[in-house]
PDB file of N, CA and C in Angstrom:
ATOM      1  N   THR A   1      92.913  43.793 113.820  1.00  0.00           N
ATOM      2  CA  THR A   1      91.569  44.099 113.300  1.00  0.00           C
ATOM      3  C   THR A   1      91.104  42.980 112.354  1.00  0.00           C
ATOM      4  N   PRO A   2      89.816  42.759 112.287  1.00  0.00           N
ATOM      5  CA  PRO A   2      89.289  41.695 111.413  1.00  0.00           C
ATOM      6  C   PRO A   2      89.599  41.955 109.942  1.00  0.00           C
ATOM      7  N   GLU A   3      89.721  43.237 109.566  1.00  0.00           N
ATOM      8  CA  GLU A   3      90.022  43.543 108.162  1.00  0.00           C
ATOM      9  C   GLU A   3      91.386  42.967 107.768  1.00  0.00           C
ATOM     10  N   MET A   4      92.378  43.096 108.669  1.00  0.00           N
ATOM     11  CA  MET A   4      93.708  42.578 108.369  1.00  0.00           C
ATOM     12  C   MET A   4      93.622  41.068 108.134  1.00  0.00           C
ATOM     13  N   LYS A   5      92.837  40.377 108.964  1.00  0.00           N
ATOM     14  CA  LYS A   5      92.747  38.924 108.831  1.00  0.00           C
ATOM     15  C   LYS A   5      92.108  38.561 107.489  1.00  0.00           C
ATOM     16  N   SER A   6      91.025  39.245 107.151  1.00  0.00           N
ATOM     17  CA  SER A   6      90.358  38.940 105.882  1.00  0.00           C
ATOM     18  C   SER A   6      91.287  39.265 104.715  1.00  0.00           C
ATOM     19  N   GLU A   7      92.098  40.301 104.868  1.00  0.00           N
ATOM     20  CA  GLU A   7      93.037  40.648 103.799  1.00  0.00           C
ATOM     21  C   GLU A   7      94.026  39.508 103.582  1.00  0.00           C
ATOM     22  N   GLU A   8      94.507  38.917 104.671  1.00  0.00           N
ATOM     23  CA  GLU A   8      95.441  37.796 104.535  1.00  0.00           C
ATOM     24  C   GLU A   8      94.758  36.626 103.837  1.00  0.00           C
ATOM     25  N   ASP A   9      93.500  36.371 104.225  1.00  0.00           N
ATOM     26  CA  ASP A   9      92.767  35.277 103.576  1.00  0.00           C
ATOM     27  C   ASP A   9      92.632  35.550 102.083  1.00  0.00           C
ATOM     28  N   ILE A  10      92.343  36.794 101.731  1.00  0.00           N
ATOM     29  CA  ILE A  10      92.190  37.155 100.320  1.00  0.00           C
ATOM     30  C   ILE A  10      93.516  36.958  99.587  1.00  0.00           C
ATOM     31  N   LEU A  11      94.606  37.374 100.209  1.00  0.00           N
ATOM     32  CA  LEU A  11      95.923  37.211  99.575  1.00  0.00           C
ATOM     33  C   LEU A  11      96.202  35.730  99.333  1.00  0.00           C
ATOM     34  N   GLU A  12      95.889  34.886 100.318  1.00  0.00           N
ATOM     35  CA  GLU A  12      96.108  33.448 100.142  1.00  0.00           C
ATOM     36  C   GLU A  12      95.251  32.925  98.996  1.00  0.00           C
ATOM     37  N   ALA A  13      94.001  33.383  98.939  1.00  0.00           N
ATOM     38  CA  ALA A  13      93.106  32.940  97.864  1.00  0.00           C
ATOM     39  C   ALA A  13      93.643  33.399  96.513  1.00  0.00           C
ATOM     40  N   MET A  14      94.144  34.632  96.453  1.00  0.00           N
ATOM     41  CA  MET A  14      94.666  35.162  95.191  1.00  0.00           C
ATOM     42  C   MET A  14      95.888  34.366  94.739  1.00  0.00           C
ATOM     43  N   LYS A  15      96.662  33.847  95.688  1.00  0.00           N
ATOM     44  CA  LYS A  15      97.831  33.042  95.320  1.00  0.00           C
ATOM     45  C   LYS A  15      97.379  31.769  94.605  1.00  0.00           C
ATOM     46  N   ASN A  16      96.222  31.227  95.012  1.00  0.00           N
ATOM     47  CA  ASN A  16      95.731  29.999  94.385  1.00  0.00           C
ATOM     48  C   ASN A  16      95.032  30.287  93.065  1.00  0.00           C
ATOM     49  N   ILE A  17      94.433  31.459  92.935  1.00  0.00           N
ATOM     50  CA  ILE A  17      93.657  31.779  91.731  1.00  0.00           C
ATOM     51  C   ILE A  17      94.524  31.760  90.465  1.00  0.00           C
ATOM     52  N   PRO A  18      95.698  32.398  90.449  1.00  0.00           N
ATOM     53  CA  PRO A  18      96.507  32.413  89.224  1.00  0.00           C
ATOM     54  C   PRO A  18      96.782  31.019  88.680  1.00  0.00           C
ATOM     55  N   ASP A  19      96.997  30.035  89.562  1.00  0.00           N
ATOM     56  CA  ASP A  19      97.269  28.678  89.093  1.00  0.00           C
ATOM     57  C   ASP A  19      96.095  28.173  88.262  1.00  0.00           C
ATOM     58  N   GLU A  20      94.862  28.399  88.757  1.00  0.00           N
ATOM     59  CA  GLU A  20      93.690  27.922  88.024  1.00  0.00           C
ATOM     60  C   GLU A  20      93.570  28.650  86.688  1.00  0.00           C
ATOM     61  N   LYS A  21      93.810  29.961  86.694  1.00  0.00           N
ATOM     62  CA  LYS A  21      93.703  30.729  85.447  1.00  0.00           C
ATOM     63  C   LYS A  21      94.741  30.241  84.447  1.00  0.00           C
ATOM     64  N   ILE A  22      95.953  29.968  84.908  1.00  0.00           N
ATOM     65  CA  ILE A  22      97.008  29.498  84.005  1.00  0.00           C
ATOM     66  C   ILE A  22      96.632  28.124  83.453  1.00  0.00           C
ATOM     67  N   GLU A  23      96.002  27.286  84.276  1.00  0.00           N
ATOM     68  CA  GLU A  23      95.604  25.956  83.816  1.00  0.00           C
ATOM     69  C   GLU A  23      94.683  26.072  82.612  1.00  0.00           C
ATOM     70  N   LEU A  24      93.726  27.030  82.684  1.00  0.00           N
ATOM     71  CA  LEU A  24      92.776  27.194  81.588  1.00  0.00           C
ATOM     72  C   LEU A  24      93.488  27.678  80.334  1.00  0.00           C
ATOM     73  N   GLY A  25      94.542  28.487  80.495  1.00  0.00           N
ATOM     74  CA  GLY A  25      95.179  29.104  79.331  1.00  0.00           C
ATOM     75  C   GLY A  25      96.300  28.262  78.746  1.00  0.00           C
ATOM     76  N   GLY A  26      97.122  27.617  79.581  1.00  0.00           N
ATOM     77  CA  GLY A  26      98.292  26.926  79.054  1.00  0.00           C
ATOM     78  C   GLY A  26      98.244  25.431  79.308  1.00  0.00           C
ATOM     79  N   SER A  27      98.752  24.658  78.352  1.00  0.00           N
ATOM     80  CA  SER A  27      98.728  23.208  78.493  1.00  0.00           C
ATOM     81  C   SER A  27      99.829  22.749  79.454  1.00  0.00           C
ATOM     82  N   THR A  28     100.901  23.533  79.596  1.00  0.00           N
ATOM     83  CA  THR A  28     102.008  23.129  80.458  1.00  0.00           C
ATOM     84  C   THR A  28     101.534  23.040  81.904  1.00  0.00           C
ATOM     85  N   SER A  29     100.767  24.016  82.348  1.00  0.00           N
ATOM     86  CA  SER A  29     100.304  24.000  83.733  1.00  0.00           C
ATOM     87  C   SER A  29      99.285  22.885  83.927  1.00  0.00           C
ATOM     88  N   GLU A  30      98.544  22.530  82.870  1.00  0.00           N
ATOM     89  CA  GLU A  30      97.604  21.422  82.996  1.00  0.00           C
ATOM     90  C   GLU A  30      98.373  20.142  83.290  1.00  0.00           C
ATOM     91  N   LYS A  31      99.505  19.961  82.618  1.00  0.00           N
ATOM     92  CA  LYS A  31     100.319  18.785  82.874  1.00  0.00           C
ATOM     93  C   LYS A  31     100.832  18.811  84.311  1.00  0.00           C
ATOM     94  N   GLN A  32     101.206  20.011  84.803  1.00  0.00           N
ATOM     95  CA  GLN A  32     101.701  20.127  86.174  1.00  0.00           C
ATOM     96  C   GLN A  32     100.603  19.762  87.164  1.00  0.00           C
ATOM     97  N   SER A  33      99.374  20.231  86.929  1.00  0.00           N
ATOM     98  CA  SER A  33      98.281  19.950  87.856  1.00  0.00           C
ATOM     99  C   SER A  33      98.010  18.451  87.875  1.00  0.00           C
ATOM    100  N   GLN A  34      98.063  17.803  86.708  1.00  0.00           N
ATOM    101  CA  GLN A  34      97.855  16.364  86.658  1.00  0.00           C
ATOM    102  C   GLN A  34      98.949  15.653  87.445  1.00  0.00           C
ATOM    103  N   ALA A  35     100.179  16.131  87.318  1.00  0.00           N
ATOM    104  CA  ALA A  35     101.292  15.511  88.023  1.00  0.00           C
ATOM    105  C   ALA A  35     101.112  15.664  89.528  1.00  0.00           C
ATOM    106  N   ASP A  36     100.519  16.783  89.959  1.00  0.00           N
ATOM    107  CA  ASP A  36     100.303  16.982  91.389  1.00  0.00           C
ATOM    108  C   ASP A  36      99.290  15.973  91.917  1.00  0.00           C
ATOM    109  N   PHE A  37      98.207  15.737  91.152  1.00  0.00           N
ATOM    110  CA  PHE A  37      97.162  14.823  91.620  1.00  0.00           C
ATOM    111  C   PHE A  37      97.657  13.377  91.574  1.00  0.00           C
ATOM    112  N   HIS A  38      98.195  12.959  90.429  1.00  0.00           N
ATOM    113  CA  HIS A  38      98.717  11.600  90.315  1.00  0.00           C
ATOM    114  C   HIS A  38      99.938  11.607  89.397  1.00  0.00           C
ATOM    115  N   PRO A  39     101.136  11.815  89.993  1.00  0.00           N
ATOM    116  CA  PRO A  39     102.365  11.931  89.202  1.00  0.00           C
ATOM    117  C   PRO A  39     102.642  10.693  88.361  1.00  0.00           C
ATOM    118  N   LYS A  40     102.389   9.496  88.922  1.00  0.00           N
ATOM    119  CA  LYS A  40     102.698   8.269  88.184  1.00  0.00           C
ATOM    120  C   LYS A  40     101.751   8.112  86.997  1.00  0.00           C
ATOM    121  N   GLN A  41     100.469   8.350  87.218  1.00  0.00           N
ATOM    122  CA  GLN A  41      99.499   8.198  86.132  1.00  0.00           C
ATOM    123  C   GLN A  41      99.668   9.314  85.106  1.00  0.00           C
ATOM    124  N   GLY A  42     100.122  10.488  85.547  1.00  0.00           N
ATOM    125  CA  GLY A  42     100.244  11.635  84.640  1.00  0.00           C
ATOM    126  C   GLY A  42     101.115  11.303  83.438  1.00  0.00           C
ATOM    127  N   ASP A  43     102.281  10.690  83.682  1.00  0.00           N
ATOM    128  CA  ASP A  43     103.175  10.391  82.563  1.00  0.00           C
ATOM    129  C   ASP A  43     102.552   9.343  81.647  1.00  0.00           C
ATOM    130  N   VAL A  44     101.910   8.339  82.245  1.00  0.00           N
ATOM    131  CA  VAL A  44     101.317   7.263  81.437  1.00  0.00           C
ATOM    132  C   VAL A  44     100.225   7.827  80.546  1.00  0.00           C
ATOM    133  N   SER A  45      99.333   8.625  81.119  1.00  0.00           N
ATOM    134  CA  SER A  45      98.224   9.173  80.331  1.00  0.00           C
ATOM    135  C   SER A  45      98.763  10.071  79.221  1.00  0.00           C
ATOM    136  N   THR A  46      99.841  10.795  79.498  1.00  0.00           N
ATOM    137  CA  THR A  46     100.420  11.670  78.471  1.00  0.00           C
ATOM    138  C   THR A  46     100.970  10.831  77.321  1.00  0.00           C
ATOM    139  N   ASN A  47     101.675   9.748  77.645  1.00  0.00           N
ATOM    140  CA  ASN A  47     102.230   8.898  76.588  1.00  0.00           C
ATOM    141  C   ASN A  47     101.107   8.263  75.781  1.00  0.00           C
ATOM    142  N   GLN A  48     100.060   7.794  76.461  1.00  0.00           N
ATOM    143  CA  GLN A  48      98.931   7.180  75.756  1.00  0.00           C
ATOM    144  C   GLN A  48      98.271   8.194  74.837  1.00  0.00           C
ATOM    145  N   ALA A  49      98.145   9.425  75.313  1.00  0.00           N
ATOM    146  CA  ALA A  49      97.517  10.470  74.496  1.00  0.00           C
ATOM    147  C   ALA A  49      98.353  10.731  73.247  1.00  0.00           C
ATOM    148  N   GLN A  50      99.669  10.768  73.402  1.00  0.00           N
ATOM    149  CA  GLN A  50     100.538  11.004  72.242  1.00  0.00           C
ATOM    150  C   GLN A  50     100.412   9.854  71.249  1.00  0.00           C
ATOM    151  N   GLU A  51     100.355   8.616  71.758  1.00  0.00           N
ATOM    152  CA  GLU A  51     100.216   7.462  70.860  1.00  0.00           C
ATOM    153  C   GLU A  51      98.898   7.540  70.107  1.00  0.00           C
ATOM    154  N   LEU A  52      97.825   7.892  70.818  1.00  0.00           N
ATOM    155  CA  LEU A  52      96.513   8.012  70.171  1.00  0.00           C
ATOM    156  C   LEU A  52      96.551   9.094  69.103  1.00  0.00           C
ATOM    157  N   LEU A  53      97.186  10.231  69.426  1.00  0.00           N
ATOM    158  CA  LEU A  53      97.276  11.323  68.451  1.00  0.00           C
ATOM    159  C   LEU A  53      98.002  10.854  67.193  1.00  0.00           C
ATOM    160  N   GLU A  54      99.109  10.145  67.378  1.00  0.00           N
ATOM    161  CA  GLU A  54      99.869   9.673  66.210  1.00  0.00           C
ATOM    162  C   GLU A  54      99.019   8.717  65.380  1.00  0.00           C
ATOM    163  N   LYS A  55      98.289   7.801  66.051  1.00  0.00           N
ATOM    164  CA  LYS A  55      97.438   6.850  65.323  1.00  0.00           C
ATOM    165  C   LYS A  55      96.358   7.597  64.555  1.00  0.00           C
ATOM    166  N   LEU A  56      95.725   8.579  65.216  1.00  0.00           N
ATOM    167  CA  LEU A  56      94.658   9.335  64.553  1.00  0.00           C
ATOM    168  C   LEU A  56      95.213  10.099  63.358  1.00  0.00           C
ATOM    169  N   GLN A  57      96.396  10.676  63.513  1.00  0.00           N
ATOM    170  CA  GLN A  57      96.993  11.434  62.407  1.00  0.00           C
ATOM    171  C   GLN A  57      97.288  10.501  61.229  1.00  0.00           C
ATOM    172  N   LYS A  58      97.777   9.285  61.517  1.00  0.00           N
ATOM    173  CA  LYS A  58      98.092   8.335  60.440  1.00  0.00           C
ATOM    174  C   LYS A  58      96.803   7.921  59.732  1.00  0.00           C
ATOM    175  N   GLU A  59      95.738   7.701  60.506  1.00  0.00           N
ATOM    176  CA  GLU A  59      94.473   7.261  59.915  1.00  0.00           C
ATOM    177  C   GLU A  59      93.775   8.415  59.205  1.00  0.00           C
ATOM    178  N   GLY A  60      94.158   9.660  59.546  1.00  0.00           N
ATOM    179  CA  GLY A  60      93.545  10.818  58.901  1.00  0.00           C
ATOM    180  C   GLY A  60      92.247  11.234  59.576  1.00  0.00           C
ATOM    181  N   THR A  61      92.009  10.734  60.810  1.00  0.00           N
ATOM    182  CA  THR A  61      90.762  11.091  61.499  1.00  0.00           C
ATOM    183  C   THR A  61      90.788  12.551  61.937  1.00  0.00           C
ATOM    184  N   LEU A  62      91.983  13.055  62.289  1.00  0.00           N
ATOM    185  CA  LEU A  62      92.067  14.433  62.771  1.00  0.00           C
ATOM    186  C   LEU A  62      91.777  15.429  61.650  1.00  0.00           C
ATOM    187  N   ARG A  63      92.024  15.048  60.409  1.00  0.00           N
ATOM    188  CA  ARG A  63      91.820  15.981  59.299  1.00  0.00           C
ATOM    189  C   ARG A  63      90.355  16.415  59.232  1.00  0.00           C
ATOM    190  N   ASP A  64      89.434  15.495  59.497  1.00  0.00           N
ATOM    191  CA  ASP A  64      88.012  15.839  59.428  1.00  0.00           C
ATOM    192  C   ASP A  64      87.686  16.930  60.438  1.00  0.00           C
ATOM    193  N   THR A  65      88.186  16.792  61.668  1.00  0.00           N
ATOM    194  CA  THR A  65      87.879  17.781  62.703  1.00  0.00           C
ATOM    195  C   THR A  65      88.541  19.110  62.371  1.00  0.00           C
ATOM    196  N   GLU A  66      89.738  19.072  61.787  1.00  0.00           N
ATOM    197  CA  GLU A  66      90.436  20.325  61.469  1.00  0.00           C
ATOM    198  C   GLU A  66      89.693  21.092  60.377  1.00  0.00           C
ATOM    199  N   GLU A  67      89.134  20.382  59.392  1.00  0.00           N
ATOM    200  CA  GLU A  67      88.417  21.061  58.302  1.00  0.00           C
ATOM    201  C   GLU A  67      87.197  21.783  58.854  1.00  0.00           C
ATOM    202  N   LYS A  68      86.501  21.147  59.793  1.00  0.00           N
ATOM    203  CA  LYS A  68      85.318  21.786  60.392  1.00  0.00           C
ATOM    204  C   LYS A  68      85.789  22.850  61.369  1.00  0.00           C
TER     205      LYS A  68
END
């Protein structure tokens, strides 16, 4: 029956939906999604982001945003 087929399609769609919801909620899954798209660039961008964060923290730029 066509209902059974649509049900399977819905189940497949639901399997993909949780990943997107988790991406919005957790940073760990965001890193995983980036690794899926470009695994090599994912690590580089993460390291660059950490370096930028450390520089900003040393300069005290992040303090302004935290106060607001």
